[in-house]
Amino acid sequence: MALEWLRPAAFLGSILFALIGVVIFWLCFVLIDKLTPYDLWAEIVEKQNVALGLVVAAMSLGISIIVAAAIHG
């Protein structure tokens, strides 16, 4: 029973759900980036806005937890 995750169906299912989770996370991030009045990436990288970086990091963790819970069921 310890190697049950090596079955092809379980392994491919895990890969598929991981890809779905990454795509949903990316779409949510792009949507939030479009809803904000400025470019998040330029603000964080070019202007070195640490406070905005922390807010985006917290938002990313929140979205990731929601996507993981939705996929896990």
PDB file of N, CA and C in Angstrom:
ATOM      1  N   MET A   1       0.808  -1.202   0.000  1.00  0.00           N
ATOM      2  CA  MET A   1       0.000   0.000   0.000  1.00  0.00           C
ATOM      3  C   MET A   1       0.846   1.258   0.000  1.00  0.00           C
ATOM      4  N   ALA A   2       2.105   1.155   0.358  1.00  0.00           N
ATOM      5  CA  ALA A   2       2.954   2.337   0.457  1.00  0.00           C
ATOM      6  C   ALA A   2       3.264   2.932  -0.911  1.00  0.00           C
ATOM      7  N   LEU A   3       3.243   2.128  -1.949  1.00  0.00           N
ATOM      8  CA  LEU A   3       3.564   2.618  -3.289  1.00  0.00           C
ATOM      9  C   LEU A   3       2.318   2.808  -4.148  1.00  0.00           C
ATOM     10  N   GLU A   4       1.206   3.056  -3.510  1.00  0.00           N
ATOM     11  CA  GLU A   4      -0.043   3.222  -4.244  1.00  0.00           C
ATOM     12  C   GLU A   4      -0.013   4.457  -5.147  1.00  0.00           C
ATOM     13  N   TRP A   5       0.730   5.483  -4.755  1.00  0.00           N
ATOM     14  CA  TRP A   5       0.793   6.699  -5.552  1.00  0.00           C
ATOM     15  C   TRP A   5       1.577   6.498  -6.848  1.00  0.00           C
ATOM     16  N   LEU A   6       2.270   5.375  -6.996  1.00  0.00           N
ATOM     17  CA  LEU A   6       3.014   5.099  -8.221  1.00  0.00           C
ATOM     18  C   LEU A   6       2.158   4.481  -9.319  1.00  0.00           C
ATOM     19  N   ARG A   7       0.913   4.143  -9.001  1.00  0.00           N
ATOM     20  CA  ARG A   7       0.043   3.619 -10.041  1.00  0.00           C
ATOM     21  C   ARG A   7      -0.120   4.684 -11.124  1.00  0.00           C
ATOM     22  N   PRO A   8      -0.152   4.304 -12.404  1.00  0.00           N
ATOM     23  CA  PRO A   8      -0.251   5.299 -13.473  1.00  0.00           C
ATOM     24  C   PRO A   8      -1.472   6.212 -13.354  1.00  0.00           C
ATOM     25  N   ALA A   9      -2.606   5.682 -12.967  1.00  0.00           N
ATOM     26  CA  ALA A   9      -3.809   6.510 -12.855  1.00  0.00           C
ATOM     27  C   ALA A   9      -3.651   7.558 -11.754  1.00  0.00           C
ATOM     28  N   ALA A  10      -3.125   7.164 -10.615  1.00  0.00           N
ATOM     29  CA  ALA A  10      -2.936   8.106  -9.508  1.00  0.00           C
ATOM     30  C   ALA A  10      -1.875   9.139  -9.848  1.00  0.00           C
ATOM     31  N   PHE A  11      -0.794   8.699 -10.463  1.00  0.00           N
ATOM     32  CA  PHE A  11       0.300   9.607 -10.817  1.00  0.00           C
ATOM     33  C   PHE A  11      -0.154  10.624 -11.856  1.00  0.00           C
ATOM     34  N   LEU A  12      -0.803  10.165 -12.925  1.00  0.00           N
ATOM     35  CA  LEU A  12      -1.266  11.083 -13.969  1.00  0.00           C
ATOM     36  C   LEU A  12      -2.376  11.998 -13.461  1.00  0.00           C
ATOM     37  N   GLY A  13      -3.218  11.482 -12.573  1.00  0.00           N
ATOM     38  CA  GLY A  13      -4.244  12.324 -11.968  1.00  0.00           C
ATOM     39  C   GLY A  13      -3.631  13.439 -11.140  1.00  0.00           C
ATOM     40  N   SER A  14      -2.592  13.122 -10.395  1.00  0.00           N
ATOM     41  CA  SER A  14      -1.900  14.137  -9.595  1.00  0.00           C
ATOM     42  C   SER A  14      -1.270  15.206 -10.480  1.00  0.00           C
ATOM     43  N   ILE A  15      -0.643  14.782 -11.560  1.00  0.00           N
ATOM     44  CA  ILE A  15      -0.029  15.734 -12.493  1.00  0.00           C
ATOM     45  C   ILE A  15      -1.100  16.609 -13.128  1.00  0.00           C
ATOM     46  N   LEU A  16      -2.206  16.018 -13.521  1.00  0.00           N
ATOM     47  CA  LEU A  16      -3.288  16.781 -14.144  1.00  0.00           C
ATOM     48  C   LEU A  16      -3.863  17.813 -13.181  1.00  0.00           C
ATOM     49  N   PHE A  17      -4.132  17.408 -11.946  1.00  0.00           N
ATOM     50  CA  PHE A  17      -4.677  18.346 -10.974  1.00  0.00           C
ATOM     51  C   PHE A  17      -3.671  19.443 -10.632  1.00  0.00           C
ATOM     52  N   ALA A  18      -2.386  19.120 -10.600  1.00  0.00           N
ATOM     53  CA  ALA A  18      -1.361  20.137 -10.358  1.00  0.00           C
ATOM     54  C   ALA A  18      -1.359  21.166 -11.485  1.00  0.00           C
ATOM     55  N   LEU A  19      -1.445  20.702 -12.728  1.00  0.00           N
ATOM     56  CA  LEU A  19      -1.472  21.624 -13.869  1.00  0.00           C
ATOM     57  C   LEU A  19      -2.733  22.486 -13.854  1.00  0.00           C
ATOM     58  N   ILE A  20      -3.858  21.896 -13.521  1.00  0.00           N
ATOM     59  CA  ILE A  20      -5.105  22.660 -13.431  1.00  0.00           C
ATOM     60  C   ILE A  20      -4.982  23.728 -12.348  1.00  0.00           C
ATOM     61  N   GLY A  21      -4.399  23.367 -11.208  1.00  0.00           N
ATOM     62  CA  GLY A  21      -4.217  24.325 -10.123  1.00  0.00           C
ATOM     63  C   GLY A  21      -3.320  25.482 -10.515  1.00  0.00           C
ATOM     64  N   VAL A  22      -2.237  25.196 -11.220  1.00  0.00           N
ATOM     65  CA  VAL A  22      -1.322  26.254 -11.661  1.00  0.00           C
ATOM     66  C   VAL A  22      -2.002  27.174 -12.662  1.00  0.00           C
ATOM     67  N   VAL A  23      -2.762  26.619 -13.587  1.00  0.00           N
ATOM     68  CA  VAL A  23      -3.464  27.438 -14.577  1.00  0.00           C
ATOM     69  C   VAL A  23      -4.514  28.327 -13.906  1.00  0.00           C
ATOM     70  N   ILE A  24      -5.270  27.781 -12.982  1.00  0.00           N
ATOM     71  CA  ILE A  24      -6.280  28.581 -12.284  1.00  0.00           C
ATOM     72  C   ILE A  24      -5.608  29.681 -11.467  1.00  0.00           C
ATOM     73  N   PHE A  25      -4.501  29.358 -10.793  1.00  0.00           N
ATOM     74  CA  PHE A  25      -3.776  30.374 -10.036  1.00  0.00           C
ATOM     75  C   PHE A  25      -3.282  31.483 -10.953  1.00  0.00           C
ATOM     76  N   TRP A  26      -2.709  31.119 -12.091  1.00  0.00           N
ATOM     77  CA  TRP A  26      -2.191  32.106 -13.036  1.00  0.00           C
ATOM     78  C   TRP A  26      -3.319  33.000 -13.554  1.00  0.00           C
ATOM     79  N   LEU A  27      -4.467  32.413 -13.889  1.00  0.00           N
ATOM     80  CA  LEU A  27      -5.599  33.209 -14.366  1.00  0.00           C
ATOM     81  C   LEU A  27      -6.101  34.174 -13.290  1.00  0.00           C
ATOM     82  N   CYS A  28      -6.153  33.726 -12.049  1.00  0.00           N
ATOM     83  CA  CYS A  28      -6.569  34.617 -10.955  1.00  0.00           C
ATOM     84  C   CYS A  28      -5.583  35.753 -10.768  1.00  0.00           C
ATOM     85  N   PHE A  29      -4.299  35.459 -10.855  1.00  0.00           N
ATOM     86  CA  PHE A  29      -3.295  36.511 -10.700  1.00  0.00           C
ATOM     87  C   PHE A  29      -3.389  37.528 -11.834  1.00  0.00           C
ATOM     88  N   VAL A  30      -3.574  37.056 -13.056  1.00  0.00           N
ATOM     89  CA  VAL A  30      -3.707  37.975 -14.197  1.00  0.00           C
ATOM     90  C   VAL A  30      -4.961  38.827 -14.037  1.00  0.00           C
ATOM     91  N   LEU A  31      -6.053  38.234 -13.579  1.00  0.00           N
ATOM     92  CA  LEU A  31      -7.290  38.986 -13.364  1.00  0.00           C
ATOM     93  C   LEU A  31      -7.095  40.081 -12.313  1.00  0.00           C
ATOM     94  N   ILE A  32      -6.453  39.748 -11.216  1.00  0.00           N
ATOM     95  CA  ILE A  32      -6.214  40.749 -10.179  1.00  0.00           C
ATOM     96  C   ILE A  32      -5.248  41.820 -10.675  1.00  0.00           C
ATOM     97  N   ASP A  33      -4.273  41.430 -11.474  1.00  0.00           N
ATOM     98  CA  ASP A  33      -3.338  42.402 -12.040  1.00  0.00           C
ATOM     99  C   ASP A  33      -4.075  43.380 -12.953  1.00  0.00           C
ATOM    100  N   LYS A  34      -5.057  42.891 -13.699  1.00  0.00           N
ATOM    101  CA  LYS A  34      -5.832  43.765 -14.589  1.00  0.00           C
ATOM    102  C   LYS A  34      -6.790  44.667 -13.816  1.00  0.00           C
ATOM    103  N   LEU A  35      -7.273  44.205 -12.660  1.00  0.00           N
ATOM    104  CA  LEU A  35      -8.215  44.991 -11.875  1.00  0.00           C
ATOM    105  C   LEU A  35      -7.547  46.119 -11.095  1.00  0.00           C
ATOM    106  N   THR A  36      -6.259  45.990 -10.821  1.00  0.00           N
ATOM    107  CA  THR A  36      -5.562  47.039 -10.086  1.00  0.00           C
ATOM    108  C   THR A  36      -5.239  48.201 -11.021  1.00  0.00           C
ATOM    109  N   PRO A  37      -5.143  49.419 -10.479  1.00  0.00           N
ATOM    110  CA  PRO A  37      -4.934  50.586 -11.343  1.00  0.00           C
ATOM    111  C   PRO A  37      -3.513  50.713 -11.901  1.00  0.00           C
ATOM    112  N   TYR A  38      -2.586  49.877 -11.489  1.00  0.00           N
ATOM    113  CA  TYR A  38      -1.217  49.950 -11.994  1.00  0.00           C
ATOM    114  C   TYR A  38      -0.692  48.546 -12.248  1.00  0.00           C
ATOM    115  N   ASP A  39       0.436  48.467 -12.919  1.00  0.00           N
ATOM    116  CA  ASP A  39       1.039  47.178 -13.269  1.00  0.00           C
ATOM    117  C   ASP A  39       1.770  46.617 -12.056  1.00  0.00           C
ATOM    118  N   LEU A  40       1.275  45.514 -11.507  1.00  0.00           N
ATOM    119  CA  LEU A  40       1.864  44.937 -10.305  1.00  0.00           C
ATOM    120  C   LEU A  40       3.322  44.540 -10.521  1.00  0.00           C
ATOM    121  N   TRP A  41       3.605  43.902 -11.635  1.00  0.00           N
ATOM    122  CA  TRP A  41       4.962  43.406 -11.881  1.00  0.00           C
ATOM    123  C   TRP A  41       5.958  44.554 -11.969  1.00  0.00           C
ATOM    124  N   ALA A  42       5.608  45.611 -12.705  1.00  0.00           N
ATOM    125  CA  ALA A  42       6.514  46.763 -12.829  1.00  0.00           C
ATOM    126  C   ALA A  42       6.694  47.456 -11.479  1.00  0.00           C
ATOM    127  N   GLU A  43       5.644  47.554 -10.720  1.00  0.00           N
ATOM    128  CA  GLU A  43       5.708  48.213  -9.411  1.00  0.00           C
ATOM    129  C   GLU A  43       6.608  47.437  -8.449  1.00  0.00           C
ATOM    130  N   ILE A  44       6.512  46.117  -8.467  1.00  0.00           N
ATOM    131  CA  ILE A  44       7.303  45.298  -7.546  1.00  0.00           C
ATOM    132  C   ILE A  44       8.752  45.189  -8.003  1.00  0.00           C
ATOM    133  N   VAL A  45       8.966  44.917  -9.279  1.00  0.00           N
ATOM    134  CA  VAL A  45      10.315  44.642  -9.775  1.00  0.00           C
ATOM    135  C   VAL A  45      11.096  45.923 -10.048  1.00  0.00           C
ATOM    136  N   GLU A  46      10.506  46.844 -10.796  1.00  0.00           N
ATOM    137  CA  GLU A  46      11.246  48.039 -11.202  1.00  0.00           C
ATOM    138  C   GLU A  46      11.340  49.077 -10.089  1.00  0.00           C
ATOM    139  N   LYS A  47      10.251  49.288  -9.355  1.00  0.00           N
ATOM    140  CA  LYS A  47      10.244  50.305  -8.305  1.00  0.00           C
ATOM    141  C   LYS A  47      10.587  49.745  -6.931  1.00  0.00           C
ATOM    142  N   GLN A  48      10.793  48.420  -6.843  1.00  0.00           N
ATOM    143  CA  GLN A  48      11.174  47.751  -5.603  1.00  0.00           C
ATOM    144  C   GLN A  48      10.203  48.052  -4.454  1.00  0.00           C
ATOM    145  N   ASN A  49       8.910  47.980  -4.741  1.00  0.00           N
ATOM    146  CA  ASN A  49       7.886  48.243  -3.742  1.00  0.00           C
ATOM    147  C   ASN A  49       7.700  46.992  -2.874  1.00  0.00           C
ATOM    148  N   VAL A  50       8.349  46.979  -1.718  1.00  0.00           N
ATOM    149  CA  VAL A  50       8.338  45.804  -0.842  1.00  0.00           C
ATOM    150  C   VAL A  50       6.954  45.590  -0.237  1.00  0.00           C
ATOM    151  N   ALA A  51       6.286  46.657   0.124  1.00  0.00           N
ATOM    152  CA  ALA A  51       4.958  46.523   0.728  1.00  0.00           C
ATOM    153  C   ALA A  51       3.983  45.866  -0.244  1.00  0.00           C
ATOM    154  N   LEU A  52       4.003  46.290  -1.484  1.00  0.00           N
ATOM    155  CA  LEU A  52       3.134  45.671  -2.484  1.00  0.00           C
ATOM    156  C   LEU A  52       3.545  44.229  -2.733  1.00  0.00           C
ATOM    157  N   GLY A  53       4.830  43.943  -2.670  1.00  0.00           N
ATOM    158  CA  GLY A  53       5.296  42.569  -2.818  1.00  0.00           C
ATOM    159  C   GLY A  53       4.745  41.658  -1.733  1.00  0.00           C
ATOM    160  N   LEU A  54       4.689  42.167  -0.505  1.00  0.00           N
ATOM    161  CA  LEU A  54       4.126  41.380   0.591  1.00  0.00           C
ATOM    162  C   LEU A  54       2.624  41.168   0.418  1.00  0.00           C
ATOM    163  N   VAL A  55       1.932  42.194  -0.062  1.00  0.00           N
ATOM    164  CA  VAL A  55       0.494  42.058  -0.298  1.00  0.00           C
ATOM    165  C   VAL A  55       0.228  41.030  -1.396  1.00  0.00           C
ATOM    166  N   VAL A  56       1.003  41.091  -2.470  1.00  0.00           N
ATOM    167  CA  VAL A  56       0.831  40.138  -3.572  1.00  0.00           C
ATOM    168  C   VAL A  56       1.208  38.727  -3.120  1.00  0.00           C
ATOM    169  N   ALA A  57       2.223  38.601  -2.270  1.00  0.00           N
ATOM    170  CA  ALA A  57       2.598  37.281  -1.754  1.00  0.00           C
ATOM    171  C   ALA A  57       1.466  36.693  -0.903  1.00  0.00           C
ATOM    172  N   ALA A  58       0.868  37.508  -0.049  1.00  0.00           N
ATOM    173  CA  ALA A  58      -0.248  37.033   0.768  1.00  0.00           C
ATOM    174  C   ALA A  58      -1.439  36.658  -0.106  1.00  0.00           C
ATOM    175  N   MET A  59      -1.705  37.473  -1.132  1.00  0.00           N
ATOM    176  CA  MET A  59      -2.791  37.182  -2.059  1.00  0.00           C
ATOM    177  C   MET A  59      -2.519  35.859  -2.793  1.00  0.00           C
ATOM    178  N   SER A  60      -1.277  35.651  -3.193  1.00  0.00           N
ATOM    179  CA  SER A  60      -0.909  34.425  -3.896  1.00  0.00           C
ATOM    180  C   SER A  60      -1.098  33.199  -3.013  1.00  0.00           C
ATOM    181  N   LEU A  61      -0.714  33.303  -1.759  1.00  0.00           N
ATOM    182  CA  LEU A  61      -0.926  32.188  -0.833  1.00  0.00           C
ATOM    183  C   LEU A  61      -2.410  31.913  -0.635  1.00  0.00           C
ATOM    184  N   GLY A  62      -3.191  32.965  -0.519  1.00  0.00           N
ATOM    185  CA  GLY A  62      -4.642  32.789  -0.367  1.00  0.00           C
ATOM    186  C   GLY A  62      -5.276  32.111  -1.561  1.00  0.00           C
ATOM    187  N   ILE A  63      -4.911  32.558  -2.750  1.00  0.00           N
ATOM    188  CA  ILE A  63      -5.446  31.943  -3.970  1.00  0.00           C
ATOM    189  C   ILE A  63      -5.011  30.489  -4.058  1.00  0.00           C
ATOM    190  N   SER A  64      -3.758  30.227  -3.707  1.00  0.00           N
ATOM    191  CA  SER A  64      -3.246  28.852  -3.767  1.00  0.00           C
ATOM    192  C   SER A  64      -4.007  27.937  -2.804  1.00  0.00           C
ATOM    193  N   ILE A  65      -4.287  28.424  -1.613  1.00  0.00           N
ATOM    194  CA  ILE A  65      -5.023  27.606  -0.634  1.00  0.00           C
ATOM    195  C   ILE A  65      -6.447  27.340  -1.127  1.00  0.00           C
ATOM    196  N   ILE A  66      -7.079  28.339  -1.709  1.00  0.00           N
ATOM    197  CA  ILE A  66      -8.437  28.171  -2.225  1.00  0.00           C
ATOM    198  C   ILE A  66      -8.456  27.170  -3.379  1.00  0.00           C
ATOM    199  N   VAL A  67      -7.505  27.299  -4.306  1.00  0.00           N
ATOM    200  CA  VAL A  67      -7.436  26.365  -5.448  1.00  0.00           C
ATOM    201  C   VAL A  67      -7.153  24.956  -4.966  1.00  0.00           C
ATOM    202  N   ALA A  68      -6.233  24.798  -4.019  1.00  0.00           N
ATOM    203  CA  ALA A  68      -5.912  23.465  -3.495  1.00  0.00           C
ATOM    204  C   ALA A  68      -7.108  22.834  -2.805  1.00  0.00           C
ATOM    205  N   ALA A  69      -7.837  23.635  -2.039  1.00  0.00           N
ATOM    206  CA  ALA A  69      -9.032  23.102  -1.352  1.00  0.00           C
ATOM    207  C   ALA A  69     -10.113  22.728  -2.355  1.00  0.00           C
ATOM    208  N   ALA A  70     -10.256  23.517  -3.411  1.00  0.00           N
ATOM    209  CA  ALA A  70     -11.266  23.208  -4.427  1.00  0.00           C
ATOM    210  C   ALA A  70     -10.928  21.934  -5.183  1.00  0.00           C
ATOM    211  N   ILE A  71      -9.649  21.735  -5.484  1.00  0.00           N
ATOM    212  CA  ILE A  71      -9.230  20.536  -6.212  1.00  0.00           C
ATOM    213  C   ILE A  71      -9.291  19.312  -5.302  1.00  0.00           C
ATOM    214  N   HIS A  72      -8.878  19.473  -4.068  1.00  0.00           N
ATOM    215  CA  HIS A  72      -8.840  18.342  -3.143  1.00  0.00           C
ATOM    216  C   HIS A  72     -10.248  17.862  -2.797  1.00  0.00           C
ATOM    217  N   GLY A  73     -11.165  18.806  -2.703  1.00  0.00           N
ATOM    218  CA  GLY A  73     -12.549  18.431  -2.426  1.00  0.00           C
ATOM    219  C   GLY A  73     -12.804  18.419  -1.006  1.00  0.00           C
TER     220      GLY A  73
END
